[in-house]
Amino acid sequence: MSEASQKAYSALLHRIQRGELPPGAFLIESELAEQLGLSRTPVREAIRRLAAEGLVRSGDRRRAVVREFDEAQLEELYELRSRLESYAAERAATRIDAAGLAKLTALAGEMEACAARGDATAVARFAELNDAFHQQILLAAAAPHLEAALRPMLQIQLVMLQRYRAHIGEHLERSCWHHRELLRALSLRDATLASEQMRLHMLAARASSSTSAAGSTRE
């Protein structure tokens, strides 16, 4: 992907994550290109990448539209993440080095600080740090095909966390606890424990997502 296409991709992904491009919004190449100060080609390539990652789908007249996720789709997403990330944690436990553990520890500390603050900005930052935490475990797992399979799911999850950030503050403390338990398992090099802790983390995240979505719907 060219530098211009990467710029377009990052900008559009950020807008989707922040809700500036909400579910159902059409992505019109000419308008977006003008807004971003780019030609239509990199914008088109960025939209194609977002579509490949599952964040965008074809709409009326073949126009791209920001995708909405129903309950069944979210259930499938979490089930897949639970299975794949548990395996990633299992692999990471026997491969992670001191630098990787230090990075995870720093991310966990930053997330705890965000959870303690609890304001909208802190919650949005928490979502970004949470994504980095899971990406770091994937990196430690040293499994390129697994990473390629999981990366789109993590992108979707980040979008959902940002979308419902006004309703997830109450769940952050529990998420921090799960992160600390994951860190403990990884530090012990216990592959079985790391896998189980990740599975429990995904189950808790799924429950939090359902509650947050319900709260958003009631507004």
N, C-alpha and C. Protein backbone atom coordinates (compact mmCIF):
# COMPACT_ATOMS: atom_id res chain seq x y z
N MET A 1 0.85 -1.19 0.00
CA MET A 1 0.00 0.00 0.00
C MET A 1 0.89 1.24 0.00
N SER A 2 0.58 2.20 -0.89
CA SER A 2 1.38 3.41 -1.00
C SER A 2 1.20 4.29 0.24
N GLU A 3 2.08 5.26 0.38
CA GLU A 3 2.00 6.18 1.51
C GLU A 3 0.68 6.94 1.50
N ALA A 4 0.24 7.35 0.31
CA ALA A 4 -1.03 8.09 0.21
C ALA A 4 -2.20 7.19 0.58
N SER A 5 -2.16 5.93 0.15
CA SER A 5 -3.24 4.99 0.48
C SER A 5 -3.27 4.71 1.97
N GLN A 6 -2.08 4.59 2.58
CA GLN A 6 -1.99 4.36 4.02
C GLN A 6 -2.55 5.56 4.78
N LYS A 7 -2.25 6.76 4.29
CA LYS A 7 -2.78 7.96 4.92
C LYS A 7 -4.31 7.97 4.86
N ALA A 8 -4.86 7.63 3.68
CA ALA A 8 -6.30 7.60 3.51
C ALA A 8 -6.93 6.53 4.41
N TYR A 9 -6.30 5.37 4.46
CA TYR A 9 -6.80 4.27 5.29
C TYR A 9 -6.83 4.68 6.76
N SER A 10 -5.73 5.24 7.25
CA SER A 10 -5.66 5.63 8.66
C SER A 10 -6.70 6.68 8.99
N ALA A 11 -6.88 7.64 8.09
CA ALA A 11 -7.85 8.71 8.33
C ALA A 11 -9.28 8.17 8.37
N LEU A 12 -9.62 7.30 7.42
CA LEU A 12 -10.98 6.75 7.37
C LEU A 12 -11.23 5.81 8.54
N LEU A 13 -10.24 5.01 8.90
CA LEU A 13 -10.38 4.11 10.04
C LEU A 13 -10.61 4.92 11.31
N HIS A 14 -9.85 6.00 11.48
CA HIS A 14 -10.02 6.85 12.66
C HIS A 14 -11.43 7.44 12.71
N ARG A 15 -11.94 7.87 11.58
CA ARG A 15 -13.29 8.46 11.54
C ARG A 15 -14.36 7.42 11.87
N ILE A 16 -14.16 6.21 11.39
CA ILE A 16 -15.12 5.14 11.70
C ILE A 16 -15.07 4.80 13.17
N GLN A 17 -13.86 4.69 13.72
CA GLN A 17 -13.70 4.37 15.13
C GLN A 17 -14.33 5.43 16.02
N ARG A 18 -14.16 6.68 15.65
CA ARG A 18 -14.68 7.78 16.46
C ARG A 18 -16.15 8.08 16.22
N GLY A 19 -16.76 7.38 15.27
CA GLY A 19 -18.17 7.61 15.01
C GLY A 19 -18.44 8.78 14.10
N GLU A 20 -17.37 9.38 13.56
CA GLU A 20 -17.56 10.47 12.62
C GLU A 20 -18.13 9.98 11.30
N LEU A 21 -17.85 8.71 11.01
CA LEU A 21 -18.50 8.01 9.90
C LEU A 21 -19.31 6.88 10.53
N PRO A 22 -20.56 7.12 10.87
CA PRO A 22 -21.36 6.14 11.61
C PRO A 22 -21.86 5.00 10.73
N PRO A 23 -22.39 3.94 11.33
CA PRO A 23 -22.95 2.84 10.55
C PRO A 23 -23.99 3.36 9.56
N GLY A 24 -23.89 2.91 8.32
CA GLY A 24 -24.83 3.36 7.30
C GLY A 24 -24.35 4.54 6.48
N ALA A 25 -23.24 5.16 6.91
CA ALA A 25 -22.71 6.32 6.17
C ALA A 25 -22.07 5.85 4.87
N PHE A 26 -22.38 6.54 3.78
CA PHE A 26 -21.78 6.22 2.49
C PHE A 26 -20.39 6.83 2.38
N LEU A 27 -19.47 6.10 1.81
CA LEU A 27 -18.12 6.58 1.59
C LEU A 27 -17.99 6.98 0.12
N ILE A 28 -18.12 8.25 -0.14
CA ILE A 28 -18.10 8.78 -1.50
C ILE A 28 -16.68 9.23 -1.82
N GLU A 29 -16.05 8.55 -2.77
CA GLU A 29 -14.63 8.75 -3.05
C GLU A 29 -14.29 10.21 -3.33
N SER A 30 -15.05 10.86 -4.16
CA SER A 30 -14.72 12.23 -4.55
C SER A 30 -14.75 13.17 -3.35
N GLU A 31 -15.75 13.02 -2.50
CA GLU A 31 -15.86 13.88 -1.32
C GLU A 31 -14.73 13.62 -0.33
N LEU A 32 -14.45 12.34 -0.09
CA LEU A 32 -13.40 11.98 0.86
C LEU A 32 -12.03 12.42 0.35
N ALA A 33 -11.80 12.27 -0.95
CA ALA A 33 -10.53 12.67 -1.54
C ALA A 33 -10.31 14.17 -1.34
N GLU A 34 -11.36 14.95 -1.54
CA GLU A 34 -11.25 16.39 -1.36
C GLU A 34 -10.97 16.74 0.09
N GLN A 35 -11.68 16.07 1.02
CA GLN A 35 -11.49 16.32 2.45
C GLN A 35 -10.08 15.98 2.92
N LEU A 36 -9.52 14.91 2.36
CA LEU A 36 -8.21 14.44 2.78
C LEU A 36 -7.06 15.06 1.98
N GLY A 37 -7.39 15.78 0.94
CA GLY A 37 -6.36 16.39 0.10
C GLY A 37 -5.59 15.36 -0.70
N LEU A 38 -6.30 14.33 -1.15
CA LEU A 38 -5.69 13.24 -1.91
C LEU A 38 -6.46 13.03 -3.21
N SER A 39 -5.87 12.24 -4.10
CA SER A 39 -6.60 11.85 -5.31
C SER A 39 -7.56 10.72 -4.95
N ARG A 40 -8.41 10.35 -5.88
CA ARG A 40 -9.40 9.33 -5.60
C ARG A 40 -8.79 7.92 -5.52
N THR A 41 -7.67 7.71 -6.20
CA THR A 41 -7.08 6.37 -6.22
C THR A 41 -6.69 5.86 -4.83
N PRO A 42 -5.93 6.61 -4.03
CA PRO A 42 -5.60 6.11 -2.69
C PRO A 42 -6.82 5.95 -1.79
N VAL A 43 -7.82 6.82 -1.99
CA VAL A 43 -9.05 6.69 -1.21
C VAL A 43 -9.77 5.39 -1.59
N ARG A 44 -9.80 5.09 -2.88
CA ARG A 44 -10.43 3.85 -3.34
C ARG A 44 -9.70 2.63 -2.76
N GLU A 45 -8.38 2.68 -2.75
CA GLU A 45 -7.60 1.57 -2.20
C GLU A 45 -7.84 1.41 -0.70
N ALA A 46 -7.97 2.53 0.00
CA ALA A 46 -8.24 2.49 1.44
C ALA A 46 -9.60 1.88 1.71
N ILE A 47 -10.58 2.24 0.92
CA ILE A 47 -11.93 1.70 1.09
C ILE A 47 -11.94 0.19 0.84
N ARG A 48 -11.18 -0.23 -0.16
CA ARG A 48 -11.09 -1.66 -0.44
C ARG A 48 -10.48 -2.42 0.74
N ARG A 49 -9.47 -1.82 1.37
CA ARG A 49 -8.85 -2.47 2.53
C ARG A 49 -9.83 -2.54 3.69
N LEU A 50 -10.57 -1.47 3.91
CA LEU A 50 -11.57 -1.47 4.98
C LEU A 50 -12.65 -2.51 4.71
N ALA A 51 -12.99 -2.69 3.44
CA ALA A 51 -13.98 -3.71 3.08
C ALA A 51 -13.42 -5.10 3.34
N ALA A 52 -12.14 -5.31 3.01
CA ALA A 52 -11.51 -6.61 3.25
C ALA A 52 -11.44 -6.92 4.74
N GLU A 53 -11.35 -5.88 5.57
CA GLU A 53 -11.29 -6.07 7.02
C GLU A 53 -12.67 -6.16 7.65
N GLY A 54 -13.71 -6.01 6.84
CA GLY A 54 -15.07 -6.19 7.34
C GLY A 54 -15.73 -4.96 7.92
N LEU A 55 -15.11 -3.81 7.77
CA LEU A 55 -15.66 -2.59 8.35
C LEU A 55 -16.56 -1.83 7.38
N VAL A 56 -16.47 -2.19 6.12
CA VAL A 56 -17.22 -1.51 5.06
C VAL A 56 -17.83 -2.57 4.15
N ARG A 57 -19.00 -2.30 3.60
CA ARG A 57 -19.63 -3.22 2.64
C ARG A 57 -20.17 -2.42 1.47
N SER A 58 -20.51 -3.12 0.41
CA SER A 58 -21.08 -2.47 -0.76
C SER A 58 -22.52 -2.07 -0.48
N GLY A 59 -22.86 -0.83 -0.82
CA GLY A 59 -24.22 -0.35 -0.61
C GLY A 59 -24.96 -0.18 -1.92
N ASP A 60 -25.95 0.69 -1.92
CA ASP A 60 -26.72 0.96 -3.13
C ASP A 60 -25.81 1.54 -4.21
N ARG A 61 -26.08 1.16 -5.45
CA ARG A 61 -25.32 1.66 -6.60
C ARG A 61 -23.82 1.40 -6.44
N ARG A 62 -23.51 0.32 -5.76
CA ARG A 62 -22.12 -0.12 -5.56
C ARG A 62 -21.30 0.85 -4.73
N ARG A 63 -21.97 1.77 -4.03
CA ARG A 63 -21.24 2.67 -3.15
C ARG A 63 -20.91 1.94 -1.86
N ALA A 64 -19.76 2.26 -1.29
CA ALA A 64 -19.35 1.64 -0.03
C ALA A 64 -20.08 2.32 1.12
N VAL A 65 -20.40 1.52 2.13
CA VAL A 65 -21.12 2.04 3.29
C VAL A 65 -20.50 1.46 4.55
N VAL A 66 -20.43 2.26 5.59
CA VAL A 66 -19.89 1.79 6.87
C VAL A 66 -20.83 0.72 7.42
N ARG A 67 -20.25 -0.37 7.81
CA ARG A 67 -21.03 -1.55 8.19
C ARG A 67 -21.55 -1.47 9.63
N GLU A 68 -22.75 -1.97 9.82
CA GLU A 68 -23.33 -2.16 11.15
C GLU A 68 -23.24 -3.64 11.48
N PHE A 69 -23.13 -3.96 12.75
CA PHE A 69 -23.02 -5.36 13.18
C PHE A 69 -24.20 -5.71 14.07
N ASP A 70 -24.92 -6.78 13.69
CA ASP A 70 -26.05 -7.19 14.52
C ASP A 70 -25.56 -8.16 15.60
N GLU A 71 -26.47 -8.55 16.45
CA GLU A 71 -26.12 -9.39 17.60
C GLU A 71 -25.50 -10.72 17.18
N ALA A 72 -26.04 -11.34 16.15
CA ALA A 72 -25.52 -12.63 15.69
C ALA A 72 -24.09 -12.49 15.17
N GLN A 73 -23.82 -11.41 14.46
CA GLN A 73 -22.48 -11.19 13.93
C GLN A 73 -21.47 -10.93 15.05
N LEU A 74 -21.90 -10.18 16.05
CA LEU A 74 -21.02 -9.94 17.19
C LEU A 74 -20.75 -11.23 17.96
N GLU A 75 -21.76 -12.06 18.09
CA GLU A 75 -21.59 -13.34 18.77
C GLU A 75 -20.55 -14.20 18.04
N GLU A 76 -20.65 -14.23 16.73
CA GLU A 76 -19.68 -14.99 15.94
C GLU A 76 -18.28 -14.41 16.09
N LEU A 77 -18.19 -13.08 16.07
CA LEU A 77 -16.90 -12.42 16.21
C LEU A 77 -16.22 -12.79 17.52
N TYR A 78 -16.97 -12.73 18.60
CA TYR A 78 -16.38 -13.05 19.90
C TYR A 78 -16.03 -14.53 20.02
N GLU A 79 -16.82 -15.38 19.42
CA GLU A 79 -16.51 -16.80 19.46
C GLU A 79 -15.19 -17.08 18.73
N LEU A 80 -15.04 -16.47 17.57
CA LEU A 80 -13.80 -16.65 16.82
C LEU A 80 -12.61 -16.07 17.57
N ARG A 81 -12.80 -14.88 18.12
CA ARG A 81 -11.71 -14.26 18.88
C ARG A 81 -11.33 -15.10 20.09
N SER A 82 -12.33 -15.63 20.76
CA SER A 82 -12.06 -16.45 21.94
C SER A 82 -11.16 -17.63 21.59
N ARG A 83 -11.48 -18.29 20.50
CA ARG A 83 -10.71 -19.47 20.10
C ARG A 83 -9.31 -19.10 19.60
N LEU A 84 -9.25 -18.09 18.74
CA LEU A 84 -7.97 -17.74 18.14
C LEU A 84 -7.05 -17.03 19.13
N GLU A 85 -7.59 -16.13 19.93
CA GLU A 85 -6.73 -15.40 20.87
C GLU A 85 -6.29 -16.28 22.04
N SER A 86 -7.11 -17.26 22.38
CA SER A 86 -6.67 -18.22 23.40
C SER A 86 -5.44 -18.97 22.90
N TYR A 87 -5.46 -19.35 21.63
CA TYR A 87 -4.33 -20.03 21.04
C TYR A 87 -3.12 -19.09 20.97
N ALA A 88 -3.38 -17.82 20.63
CA ALA A 88 -2.30 -16.83 20.59
C ALA A 88 -1.65 -16.67 21.96
N ALA A 89 -2.46 -16.61 23.00
CA ALA A 89 -1.93 -16.47 24.37
C ALA A 89 -1.14 -17.71 24.76
N GLU A 90 -1.63 -18.86 24.34
CA GLU A 90 -0.92 -20.12 24.62
C GLU A 90 0.47 -20.10 23.99
N ARG A 91 0.55 -19.67 22.74
CA ARG A 91 1.84 -19.61 22.07
C ARG A 91 2.73 -18.53 22.69
N ALA A 92 2.14 -17.38 22.98
CA ALA A 92 2.91 -16.27 23.52
C ALA A 92 3.56 -16.62 24.86
N ALA A 93 2.90 -17.43 25.64
CA ALA A 93 3.41 -17.77 26.97
C ALA A 93 4.79 -18.41 26.91
N THR A 94 5.06 -19.16 25.87
CA THR A 94 6.35 -19.85 25.76
C THR A 94 7.33 -19.11 24.86
N ARG A 95 6.94 -17.95 24.33
CA ARG A 95 7.79 -17.23 23.39
C ARG A 95 8.07 -15.78 23.78
N ILE A 96 7.25 -15.21 24.63
CA ILE A 96 7.40 -13.79 24.95
C ILE A 96 8.71 -13.54 25.70
N ASP A 97 9.36 -12.42 25.38
CA ASP A 97 10.61 -12.08 26.05
C ASP A 97 10.37 -10.98 27.09
N ALA A 98 11.44 -10.59 27.76
CA ALA A 98 11.34 -9.59 28.82
C ALA A 98 10.81 -8.26 28.29
N ALA A 99 11.26 -7.89 27.10
CA ALA A 99 10.80 -6.63 26.50
C ALA A 99 9.30 -6.67 26.22
N GLY A 100 8.81 -7.82 25.74
CA GLY A 100 7.38 -7.97 25.48
C GLY A 100 6.57 -7.87 26.75
N LEU A 101 7.04 -8.52 27.81
CA LEU A 101 6.34 -8.46 29.09
C LEU A 101 6.34 -7.03 29.65
N ALA A 102 7.46 -6.34 29.47
CA ALA A 102 7.55 -4.96 29.94
C ALA A 102 6.55 -4.07 29.20
N LYS A 103 6.42 -4.30 27.89
CA LYS A 103 5.48 -3.51 27.10
C LYS A 103 4.04 -3.77 27.55
N LEU A 104 3.70 -5.04 27.77
CA LEU A 104 2.36 -5.37 28.25
C LEU A 104 2.10 -4.77 29.62
N THR A 105 3.10 -4.80 30.49
CA THR A 105 2.94 -4.23 31.83
C THR A 105 2.68 -2.74 31.76
N ALA A 106 3.41 -2.05 30.87
CA ALA A 106 3.22 -0.61 30.71
C ALA A 106 1.82 -0.30 30.17
N LEU A 107 1.38 -1.09 29.19
CA LEU A 107 0.04 -0.88 28.62
C LEU A 107 -1.03 -1.12 29.67
N ALA A 108 -0.86 -2.18 30.47
CA ALA A 108 -1.83 -2.48 31.53
C ALA A 108 -1.89 -1.34 32.53
N GLY A 109 -0.74 -0.77 32.87
CA GLY A 109 -0.72 0.36 33.80
C GLY A 109 -1.43 1.58 33.25
N GLU A 110 -1.22 1.85 31.97
CA GLU A 110 -1.89 2.99 31.33
C GLU A 110 -3.40 2.78 31.30
N MET A 111 -3.83 1.55 31.03
CA MET A 111 -5.27 1.26 31.01
C MET A 111 -5.89 1.43 32.38
N GLU A 112 -5.17 1.03 33.42
CA GLU A 112 -5.69 1.21 34.78
C GLU A 112 -5.84 2.69 35.12
N ALA A 113 -4.90 3.51 34.64
CA ALA A 113 -5.01 4.95 34.86
C ALA A 113 -6.23 5.52 34.14
N CYS A 114 -6.47 5.05 32.93
CA CYS A 114 -7.66 5.49 32.17
C CYS A 114 -8.94 5.06 32.87
N ALA A 115 -8.95 3.82 33.37
CA ALA A 115 -10.14 3.32 34.06
C ALA A 115 -10.42 4.13 35.32
N ALA A 116 -9.37 4.56 36.00
CA ALA A 116 -9.54 5.35 37.21
C ALA A 116 -10.12 6.73 36.89
N ARG A 117 -9.73 7.30 35.75
CA ARG A 117 -10.26 8.60 35.35
C ARG A 117 -11.73 8.46 34.94
N GLY A 118 -11.99 7.56 34.01
CA GLY A 118 -13.36 7.24 33.64
C GLY A 118 -14.09 8.22 32.75
N ASP A 119 -13.46 9.33 32.36
CA ASP A 119 -14.14 10.28 31.49
C ASP A 119 -14.11 9.78 30.04
N ALA A 120 -14.83 10.46 29.17
CA ALA A 120 -14.97 9.99 27.79
C ALA A 120 -13.63 9.90 27.07
N THR A 121 -12.76 10.88 27.30
CA THR A 121 -11.45 10.86 26.65
C THR A 121 -10.63 9.68 27.13
N ALA A 122 -10.69 9.41 28.43
CA ALA A 122 -9.94 8.29 29.00
C ALA A 122 -10.46 6.96 28.49
N VAL A 123 -11.77 6.85 28.34
CA VAL A 123 -12.35 5.60 27.84
C VAL A 123 -11.95 5.36 26.39
N ALA A 124 -11.94 6.43 25.60
CA ALA A 124 -11.51 6.30 24.20
C ALA A 124 -10.05 5.87 24.13
N ARG A 125 -9.22 6.44 24.99
CA ARG A 125 -7.82 6.06 25.04
C ARG A 125 -7.66 4.62 25.51
N PHE A 126 -8.49 4.21 26.46
CA PHE A 126 -8.46 2.83 26.94
C PHE A 126 -8.66 1.86 25.78
N ALA A 127 -9.60 2.16 24.90
CA ALA A 127 -9.87 1.28 23.76
C ALA A 127 -8.64 1.13 22.88
N GLU A 128 -7.93 2.22 22.66
CA GLU A 128 -6.73 2.16 21.84
C GLU A 128 -5.63 1.34 22.52
N LEU A 129 -5.48 1.54 23.83
CA LEU A 129 -4.47 0.78 24.58
C LEU A 129 -4.81 -0.70 24.64
N ASN A 130 -6.10 -0.98 24.75
CA ASN A 130 -6.54 -2.38 24.77
C ASN A 130 -6.19 -3.08 23.46
N ASP A 131 -6.38 -2.37 22.37
CA ASP A 131 -6.02 -2.93 21.07
C ASP A 131 -4.51 -3.20 21.01
N ALA A 132 -3.72 -2.26 21.49
CA ALA A 132 -2.26 -2.42 21.50
C ALA A 132 -1.84 -3.60 22.37
N PHE A 133 -2.55 -3.81 23.48
CA PHE A 133 -2.25 -4.92 24.39
C PHE A 133 -2.43 -6.26 23.68
N HIS A 134 -3.56 -6.40 23.00
CA HIS A 134 -3.84 -7.65 22.29
C HIS A 134 -2.91 -7.83 21.08
N GLN A 135 -2.57 -6.73 20.44
CA GLN A 135 -1.63 -6.81 19.32
C GLN A 135 -0.26 -7.27 19.81
N GLN A 136 0.13 -6.83 21.01
CA GLN A 136 1.42 -7.22 21.56
C GLN A 136 1.47 -8.71 21.85
N ILE A 137 0.37 -9.27 22.34
CA ILE A 137 0.31 -10.71 22.57
C ILE A 137 0.41 -11.46 21.25
N LEU A 138 -0.26 -10.95 20.24
CA LEU A 138 -0.17 -11.55 18.90
C LEU A 138 1.27 -11.52 18.39
N LEU A 139 1.93 -10.40 18.61
CA LEU A 139 3.32 -10.28 18.17
C LEU A 139 4.19 -11.32 18.87
N ALA A 140 3.96 -11.50 20.17
CA ALA A 140 4.74 -12.47 20.93
C ALA A 140 4.44 -13.90 20.50
N ALA A 141 3.25 -14.14 20.01
CA ALA A 141 2.87 -15.49 19.58
C ALA A 141 3.67 -15.93 18.36
N ALA A 142 4.19 -14.96 17.61
CA ALA A 142 5.02 -15.25 16.44
C ALA A 142 4.35 -16.21 15.48
N ALA A 143 3.13 -15.85 15.08
CA ALA A 143 2.35 -16.70 14.16
C ALA A 143 1.72 -15.79 13.10
N PRO A 144 2.41 -15.52 12.01
CA PRO A 144 1.92 -14.57 11.00
C PRO A 144 0.53 -14.88 10.46
N HIS A 145 0.22 -16.15 10.22
CA HIS A 145 -1.10 -16.49 9.68
C HIS A 145 -2.19 -16.23 10.72
N LEU A 146 -1.88 -16.52 11.97
CA LEU A 146 -2.83 -16.24 13.05
C LEU A 146 -3.06 -14.74 13.18
N GLU A 147 -1.98 -13.98 13.09
CA GLU A 147 -2.09 -12.52 13.17
C GLU A 147 -2.94 -11.98 12.02
N ALA A 148 -2.74 -12.51 10.83
CA ALA A 148 -3.50 -12.05 9.66
C ALA A 148 -4.99 -12.36 9.83
N ALA A 149 -5.30 -13.49 10.46
CA ALA A 149 -6.70 -13.86 10.67
C ALA A 149 -7.35 -13.00 11.76
N LEU A 150 -6.58 -12.64 12.76
CA LEU A 150 -7.14 -11.92 13.90
C LEU A 150 -7.19 -10.40 13.71
N ARG A 151 -6.28 -9.86 12.93
CA ARG A 151 -6.19 -8.40 12.84
C ARG A 151 -7.51 -7.73 12.45
N PRO A 152 -8.25 -8.23 11.43
CA PRO A 152 -9.54 -7.60 11.12
C PRO A 152 -10.52 -7.66 12.29
N MET A 153 -10.50 -8.75 13.04
CA MET A 153 -11.40 -8.86 14.20
C MET A 153 -11.06 -7.83 15.27
N LEU A 154 -9.77 -7.60 15.46
CA LEU A 154 -9.35 -6.60 16.44
C LEU A 154 -9.76 -5.20 15.98
N GLN A 155 -9.69 -4.94 14.69
CA GLN A 155 -10.12 -3.65 14.17
C GLN A 155 -11.61 -3.44 14.43
N ILE A 156 -12.39 -4.47 14.16
CA ILE A 156 -13.83 -4.37 14.40
C ILE A 156 -14.10 -4.16 15.88
N GLN A 157 -13.39 -4.89 16.73
CA GLN A 157 -13.58 -4.76 18.17
C GLN A 157 -13.25 -3.34 18.63
N LEU A 158 -12.18 -2.76 18.09
CA LEU A 158 -11.82 -1.40 18.47
C LEU A 158 -12.92 -0.42 18.07
N VAL A 159 -13.49 -0.62 16.90
CA VAL A 159 -14.60 0.22 16.46
C VAL A 159 -15.77 0.11 17.43
N MET A 160 -16.09 -1.12 17.85
CA MET A 160 -17.22 -1.32 18.76
C MET A 160 -16.95 -0.68 20.12
N LEU A 161 -15.74 -0.80 20.62
CA LEU A 161 -15.40 -0.18 21.90
C LEU A 161 -15.54 1.33 21.83
N GLN A 162 -15.07 1.92 20.74
CA GLN A 162 -15.18 3.36 20.58
C GLN A 162 -16.64 3.79 20.40
N ARG A 163 -17.40 2.97 19.69
CA ARG A 163 -18.80 3.31 19.41
C ARG A 163 -19.63 3.35 20.68
N TYR A 164 -19.34 2.43 21.60
CA TYR A 164 -20.12 2.34 22.84
C TYR A 164 -19.36 2.86 24.05
N ARG A 165 -18.35 3.72 23.80
CA ARG A 165 -17.48 4.14 24.89
C ARG A 165 -18.23 4.87 26.00
N ALA A 166 -19.37 5.48 25.68
CA ALA A 166 -20.13 6.19 26.71
C ALA A 166 -20.76 5.23 27.71
N HIS A 167 -20.80 3.93 27.37
CA HIS A 167 -21.49 2.96 28.21
C HIS A 167 -20.59 1.85 28.75
N ILE A 168 -19.29 1.93 28.48
CA ILE A 168 -18.43 0.82 28.91
C ILE A 168 -17.55 1.16 30.10
N GLY A 169 -17.67 2.41 30.59
CA GLY A 169 -16.82 2.80 31.70
C GLY A 169 -16.89 1.87 32.89
N GLU A 170 -18.08 1.37 33.19
CA GLU A 170 -18.27 0.50 34.36
C GLU A 170 -17.59 -0.85 34.19
N HIS A 171 -17.22 -1.22 32.96
CA HIS A 171 -16.62 -2.53 32.72
C HIS A 171 -15.09 -2.48 32.66
N LEU A 172 -14.53 -1.30 32.71
CA LEU A 172 -13.09 -1.17 32.51
C LEU A 172 -12.28 -1.80 33.63
N GLU A 173 -12.76 -1.66 34.85
CA GLU A 173 -12.02 -2.22 35.99
C GLU A 173 -11.91 -3.74 35.86
N ARG A 174 -12.98 -4.37 35.44
CA ARG A 174 -12.94 -5.82 35.26
C ARG A 174 -11.98 -6.20 34.14
N SER A 175 -11.98 -5.42 33.06
CA SER A 175 -11.06 -5.69 31.97
C SER A 175 -9.61 -5.57 32.44
N CYS A 176 -9.33 -4.57 33.28
CA CYS A 176 -7.98 -4.40 33.81
C CYS A 176 -7.57 -5.62 34.63
N TRP A 177 -8.49 -6.15 35.41
CA TRP A 177 -8.19 -7.34 36.21
C TRP A 177 -7.81 -8.51 35.31
N HIS A 178 -8.56 -8.69 34.23
CA HIS A 178 -8.26 -9.78 33.29
C HIS A 178 -6.89 -9.58 32.65
N HIS A 179 -6.55 -8.34 32.34
CA HIS A 179 -5.24 -8.08 31.75
C HIS A 179 -4.13 -8.46 32.72
N ARG A 180 -4.32 -8.14 34.01
CA ARG A 180 -3.31 -8.48 35.00
C ARG A 180 -3.18 -10.00 35.16
N GLU A 181 -4.29 -10.71 35.09
CA GLU A 181 -4.23 -12.17 35.18
C GLU A 181 -3.54 -12.77 33.95
N LEU A 182 -3.79 -12.18 32.80
CA LEU A 182 -3.09 -12.62 31.59
C LEU A 182 -1.59 -12.38 31.72
N LEU A 183 -1.23 -11.23 32.24
CA LEU A 183 0.17 -10.91 32.45
C LEU A 183 0.83 -11.91 33.39
N ARG A 184 0.13 -12.26 34.45
CA ARG A 184 0.66 -13.22 35.41
C ARG A 184 0.91 -14.57 34.75
N ALA A 185 -0.05 -15.03 33.94
CA ALA A 185 0.11 -16.32 33.26
C ALA A 185 1.28 -16.28 32.27
N LEU A 186 1.41 -15.17 31.56
CA LEU A 186 2.51 -15.04 30.61
C LEU A 186 3.86 -14.97 31.33
N SER A 187 3.89 -14.29 32.46
CA SER A 187 5.12 -14.19 33.23
C SER A 187 5.55 -15.54 33.77
N LEU A 188 4.56 -16.37 34.10
CA LEU A 188 4.85 -17.73 34.60
C LEU A 188 5.20 -18.70 33.48
N ARG A 189 5.07 -18.26 32.23
CA ARG A 189 5.29 -19.11 31.07
C ARG A 189 4.34 -20.31 31.08
N ASP A 190 3.14 -20.08 31.62
CA ASP A 190 2.15 -21.15 31.73
C ASP A 190 1.18 -21.05 30.55
N ALA A 191 1.41 -21.85 29.54
CA ALA A 191 0.62 -21.79 28.31
C ALA A 191 -0.84 -22.12 28.54
N THR A 192 -1.11 -23.14 29.37
CA THR A 192 -2.49 -23.55 29.65
C THR A 192 -3.25 -22.46 30.39
N LEU A 193 -2.60 -21.88 31.39
CA LEU A 193 -3.24 -20.80 32.16
C LEU A 193 -3.47 -19.57 31.30
N ALA A 194 -2.50 -19.23 30.46
CA ALA A 194 -2.64 -18.07 29.58
C ALA A 194 -3.82 -18.25 28.63
N SER A 195 -3.95 -19.45 28.08
CA SER A 195 -5.05 -19.74 27.18
C SER A 195 -6.40 -19.60 27.89
N GLU A 196 -6.49 -20.13 29.09
CA GLU A 196 -7.74 -20.08 29.84
C GLU A 196 -8.08 -18.65 30.26
N GLN A 197 -7.08 -17.88 30.67
CA GLN A 197 -7.33 -16.50 31.06
C GLN A 197 -7.82 -15.67 29.88
N MET A 198 -7.26 -15.93 28.70
CA MET A 198 -7.73 -15.21 27.53
C MET A 198 -9.16 -15.59 27.20
N ARG A 199 -9.50 -16.86 27.33
CA ARG A 199 -10.87 -17.30 27.06
C ARG A 199 -11.84 -16.60 28.01
N LEU A 200 -11.49 -16.53 29.29
CA LEU A 200 -12.35 -15.87 30.27
C LEU A 200 -12.46 -14.37 29.97
N HIS A 201 -11.37 -13.79 29.54
CA HIS A 201 -11.36 -12.37 29.18
C HIS A 201 -12.32 -12.10 28.03
N MET A 202 -12.32 -12.97 27.03
CA MET A 202 -13.22 -12.80 25.89
C MET A 202 -14.68 -12.96 26.29
N LEU A 203 -14.95 -13.91 27.18
CA LEU A 203 -16.33 -14.09 27.67
C LEU A 203 -16.81 -12.84 28.40
N ALA A 204 -15.94 -12.27 29.22
CA ALA A 204 -16.31 -11.06 29.96
C ALA A 204 -16.49 -9.88 29.00
N ALA A 205 -15.62 -9.80 28.00
CA ALA A 205 -15.73 -8.71 27.02
C ALA A 205 -17.03 -8.82 26.23
N ARG A 206 -17.43 -10.04 25.92
CA ARG A 206 -18.68 -10.24 25.18
C ARG A 206 -19.87 -9.77 26.02
N ALA A 207 -19.86 -10.11 27.30
CA ALA A 207 -20.94 -9.69 28.18
C ALA A 207 -20.99 -8.17 28.30
N SER A 208 -19.82 -7.55 28.40
CA SER A 208 -19.75 -6.09 28.49
C SER A 208 -20.26 -5.43 27.22
N SER A 209 -19.91 -6.01 26.07
CA SER A 209 -20.34 -5.46 24.79
C SER A 209 -21.86 -5.50 24.66
N SER A 210 -22.45 -6.60 25.10
CA SER A 210 -23.92 -6.74 25.01
C SER A 210 -24.60 -5.69 25.88
N THR A 211 -24.08 -5.48 27.09
CA THR A 211 -24.65 -4.50 28.01
C THR A 211 -24.51 -3.10 27.45
N SER A 212 -23.34 -2.80 26.90
CA SER A 212 -23.09 -1.48 26.35
C SER A 212 -23.98 -1.20 25.14
N ALA A 213 -24.14 -2.18 24.29
CA ALA A 213 -25.00 -2.02 23.11
C ALA A 213 -26.44 -1.78 23.53
N ALA A 214 -26.88 -2.50 24.55
CA ALA A 214 -28.25 -2.32 25.03
C ALA A 214 -28.44 -0.93 25.60
N GLY A 215 -27.43 -0.42 26.32
CA GLY A 215 -27.51 0.92 26.88
C GLY A 215 -27.56 1.97 25.80
N SER A 216 -26.78 1.77 24.74
CA SER A 216 -26.78 2.72 23.63
C SER A 216 -28.12 2.74 22.93
N THR A 217 -28.74 1.57 22.79
CA THR A 217 -30.04 1.47 22.10
C THR A 217 -31.13 2.20 22.87
N ARG A 218 -31.01 2.20 24.21
CA ARG A 218 -32.06 2.82 25.03
C ARG A 218 -32.01 4.34 25.00
N GLU A 219 -30.92 4.91 24.55
CA GLU A 219 -30.83 6.37 24.54
C GLU A 219 -31.78 7.00 23.53
